[in-house]
Amino acid sequence: MAEEIRAEMVANVWKVVAAAGDTVSEGDTLVILESMKMEIPVIAESDGVVQQLAVNEGDVVQDGDLIAVIG
């Protein structure tokens, strides 16, 4: 079953670390968000393959926006 990773706050996408098709393990960093001069890593919560990466560097995400899908 696919797992959706969603933003937990309003933030800028500072750096995209993973790409669609990458194999990731639980705890791997997918993207790094920036909010109020703090860097917040968004991590994979399970092992799998990144099926979709829904953000690009420079994007602004809102609370609840889709960041990635891991399957």
N, C-alpha and C. Protein backbone atom coordinates (compact mmCIF):
# COMPACT_ATOMS: atom_id res chain seq x y z
N MET A 1 0.84 -1.19 0.00
CA MET A 1 0.00 0.00 0.00
C MET A 1 0.88 1.25 0.00
N ALA A 2 0.52 2.22 -0.79
CA ALA A 2 1.30 3.45 -0.91
C ALA A 2 1.11 4.34 0.32
N GLU A 3 2.19 4.98 0.70
CA GLU A 3 2.16 5.90 1.84
C GLU A 3 2.35 7.32 1.33
N GLU A 4 1.43 8.22 1.71
CA GLU A 4 1.54 9.62 1.31
C GLU A 4 2.27 10.39 2.41
N ILE A 5 3.27 11.16 2.01
CA ILE A 5 3.99 12.03 2.93
C ILE A 5 3.46 13.44 2.67
N ARG A 6 2.95 14.07 3.71
CA ARG A 6 2.34 15.40 3.57
C ARG A 6 3.04 16.42 4.45
N ALA A 7 2.98 17.68 4.04
CA ALA A 7 3.57 18.76 4.81
C ALA A 7 2.81 18.95 6.13
N GLU A 8 3.55 19.25 7.17
CA GLU A 8 2.93 19.48 8.48
C GLU A 8 2.88 20.95 8.85
N MET A 9 3.36 21.81 7.93
CA MET A 9 3.36 23.25 8.18
C MET A 9 3.56 23.99 6.87
N VAL A 10 3.35 25.28 6.90
CA VAL A 10 3.65 26.13 5.75
C VAL A 10 5.16 26.31 5.72
N ALA A 11 5.78 26.03 4.57
CA ALA A 11 7.24 26.12 4.48
C ALA A 11 7.65 26.22 3.02
N ASN A 12 8.90 26.60 2.81
CA ASN A 12 9.51 26.60 1.49
C ASN A 12 10.26 25.28 1.30
N VAL A 13 10.23 24.74 0.09
CA VAL A 13 11.03 23.56 -0.22
C VAL A 13 12.44 24.05 -0.51
N TRP A 14 13.34 23.80 0.43
CA TRP A 14 14.71 24.30 0.31
C TRP A 14 15.56 23.39 -0.56
N LYS A 15 15.45 22.07 -0.34
CA LYS A 15 16.26 21.13 -1.11
C LYS A 15 15.50 19.82 -1.30
N VAL A 16 15.54 19.30 -2.52
CA VAL A 16 14.96 17.99 -2.83
C VAL A 16 16.12 17.00 -2.84
N VAL A 17 16.03 15.99 -1.97
CA VAL A 17 17.11 15.01 -1.83
C VAL A 17 16.82 13.75 -2.63
N ALA A 18 15.59 13.27 -2.60
CA ALA A 18 15.21 12.03 -3.29
C ALA A 18 14.56 12.35 -4.64
N ALA A 19 14.48 11.33 -5.48
CA ALA A 19 13.82 11.48 -6.78
C ALA A 19 12.89 10.31 -7.00
N ALA A 20 11.93 10.48 -7.89
CA ALA A 20 11.02 9.38 -8.22
C ALA A 20 11.83 8.20 -8.71
N GLY A 21 11.50 7.03 -8.20
CA GLY A 21 12.23 5.81 -8.58
C GLY A 21 13.30 5.41 -7.59
N ASP A 22 13.68 6.32 -6.68
CA ASP A 22 14.70 6.00 -5.68
C ASP A 22 14.16 5.02 -4.66
N THR A 23 14.99 4.08 -4.24
CA THR A 23 14.65 3.19 -3.13
C THR A 23 15.07 3.87 -1.84
N VAL A 24 14.15 3.96 -0.88
CA VAL A 24 14.44 4.62 0.39
C VAL A 24 14.16 3.68 1.55
N SER A 25 14.83 3.94 2.65
CA SER A 25 14.62 3.19 3.89
C SER A 25 13.96 4.11 4.90
N GLU A 26 13.31 3.51 5.88
CA GLU A 26 12.71 4.30 6.95
C GLU A 26 13.77 5.21 7.56
N GLY A 27 13.46 6.49 7.67
CA GLY A 27 14.39 7.45 8.25
C GLY A 27 15.20 8.23 7.24
N ASP A 28 15.17 7.83 5.96
CA ASP A 28 15.90 8.58 4.92
C ASP A 28 15.23 9.92 4.67
N THR A 29 16.03 10.94 4.40
CA THR A 29 15.51 12.28 4.11
C THR A 29 15.05 12.33 2.66
N LEU A 30 13.82 12.83 2.45
CA LEU A 30 13.26 12.99 1.11
C LEU A 30 13.46 14.41 0.60
N VAL A 31 13.06 15.38 1.41
CA VAL A 31 13.24 16.80 1.09
C VAL A 31 13.56 17.53 2.38
N ILE A 32 14.09 18.74 2.22
CA ILE A 32 14.35 19.61 3.36
C ILE A 32 13.53 20.87 3.18
N LEU A 33 12.68 21.14 4.15
CA LEU A 33 11.86 22.35 4.14
C LEU A 33 12.55 23.43 4.95
N GLU A 34 12.21 24.69 4.66
CA GLU A 34 12.74 25.83 5.41
C GLU A 34 11.57 26.67 5.87
N SER A 35 11.53 26.93 7.16
CA SER A 35 10.49 27.77 7.73
C SER A 35 11.08 28.56 8.88
N MET A 36 10.94 29.86 8.85
CA MET A 36 11.44 30.74 9.91
C MET A 36 12.93 30.48 10.17
N LYS A 37 13.71 30.34 9.08
CA LYS A 37 15.16 30.14 9.11
C LYS A 37 15.58 28.81 9.75
N MET A 38 14.62 27.88 9.88
CA MET A 38 14.93 26.55 10.39
C MET A 38 14.81 25.55 9.25
N GLU A 39 15.74 24.60 9.19
CA GLU A 39 15.67 23.54 8.20
C GLU A 39 14.97 22.34 8.82
N ILE A 40 13.93 21.85 8.16
CA ILE A 40 13.13 20.74 8.67
C ILE A 40 13.20 19.59 7.67
N PRO A 41 13.88 18.49 8.02
CA PRO A 41 13.91 17.35 7.10
C PRO A 41 12.57 16.62 7.09
N VAL A 42 12.14 16.21 5.91
CA VAL A 42 10.95 15.37 5.75
C VAL A 42 11.49 13.98 5.47
N ILE A 43 11.17 13.04 6.35
CA ILE A 43 11.77 11.71 6.25
C ILE A 43 10.76 10.65 5.83
N ALA A 44 11.29 9.58 5.24
CA ALA A 44 10.46 8.43 4.88
C ALA A 44 10.07 7.71 6.17
N GLU A 45 8.80 7.36 6.27
CA GLU A 45 8.32 6.67 7.47
C GLU A 45 8.29 5.16 7.29
N SER A 46 8.67 4.68 6.10
CA SER A 46 8.75 3.25 5.85
C SER A 46 9.70 3.00 4.67
N ASP A 47 10.12 1.76 4.52
CA ASP A 47 10.94 1.37 3.38
C ASP A 47 10.08 1.32 2.13
N GLY A 48 10.68 1.60 0.98
CA GLY A 48 9.94 1.49 -0.27
C GLY A 48 10.62 2.22 -1.40
N VAL A 49 9.86 2.46 -2.45
CA VAL A 49 10.33 3.18 -3.63
C VAL A 49 9.52 4.46 -3.76
N VAL A 50 10.20 5.57 -4.03
CA VAL A 50 9.51 6.85 -4.23
C VAL A 50 8.74 6.75 -5.55
N GLN A 51 7.42 6.69 -5.45
CA GLN A 51 6.58 6.59 -6.65
C GLN A 51 6.31 7.96 -7.26
N GLN A 52 6.21 8.96 -6.40
CA GLN A 52 5.92 10.32 -6.89
C GLN A 52 6.57 11.32 -5.95
N LEU A 53 7.18 12.34 -6.52
CA LEU A 53 7.69 13.46 -5.74
C LEU A 53 6.92 14.68 -6.23
N ALA A 54 6.09 15.26 -5.38
CA ALA A 54 5.13 16.28 -5.81
C ALA A 54 5.62 17.71 -5.62
N VAL A 55 6.88 17.89 -5.21
CA VAL A 55 7.40 19.24 -4.98
C VAL A 55 8.73 19.43 -5.71
N ASN A 56 9.06 20.69 -5.93
CA ASN A 56 10.34 21.08 -6.52
C ASN A 56 10.99 22.12 -5.62
N GLU A 57 12.31 22.25 -5.73
CA GLU A 57 13.00 23.27 -4.94
C GLU A 57 12.41 24.64 -5.25
N GLY A 58 12.16 25.42 -4.21
CA GLY A 58 11.59 26.75 -4.37
C GLY A 58 10.08 26.80 -4.20
N ASP A 59 9.42 25.64 -4.22
CA ASP A 59 7.97 25.60 -4.02
C ASP A 59 7.62 26.01 -2.59
N VAL A 60 6.42 26.51 -2.41
CA VAL A 60 5.88 26.78 -1.08
C VAL A 60 4.79 25.75 -0.82
N VAL A 61 4.90 25.02 0.29
CA VAL A 61 3.88 24.03 0.64
C VAL A 61 3.04 24.55 1.80
N GLN A 62 1.79 24.16 1.77
CA GLN A 62 0.85 24.49 2.84
C GLN A 62 0.65 23.26 3.71
N ASP A 63 0.15 23.44 4.91
CA ASP A 63 -0.15 22.33 5.81
C ASP A 63 -1.07 21.33 5.08
N GLY A 64 -0.65 20.09 4.99
CA GLY A 64 -1.46 19.06 4.34
C GLY A 64 -1.14 18.80 2.88
N ASP A 65 -0.30 19.63 2.26
CA ASP A 65 0.06 19.42 0.85
C ASP A 65 0.86 18.13 0.69
N LEU A 66 0.65 17.45 -0.42
CA LEU A 66 1.37 16.23 -0.74
C LEU A 66 2.82 16.55 -1.08
N ILE A 67 3.74 15.83 -0.45
CA ILE A 67 5.16 15.99 -0.77
C ILE A 67 5.65 14.80 -1.59
N ALA A 68 5.33 13.58 -1.15
CA ALA A 68 5.80 12.39 -1.85
C ALA A 68 4.88 11.22 -1.58
N VAL A 69 4.98 10.22 -2.47
CA VAL A 69 4.27 8.95 -2.28
C VAL A 69 5.32 7.85 -2.33
N ILE A 70 5.31 7.01 -1.31
CA ILE A 70 6.23 5.88 -1.24
C ILE A 70 5.43 4.59 -1.29
N GLY A 71 5.83 3.69 -2.16
CA GLY A 71 5.12 2.44 -2.30
C GLY A 71 6.02 1.23 -2.15
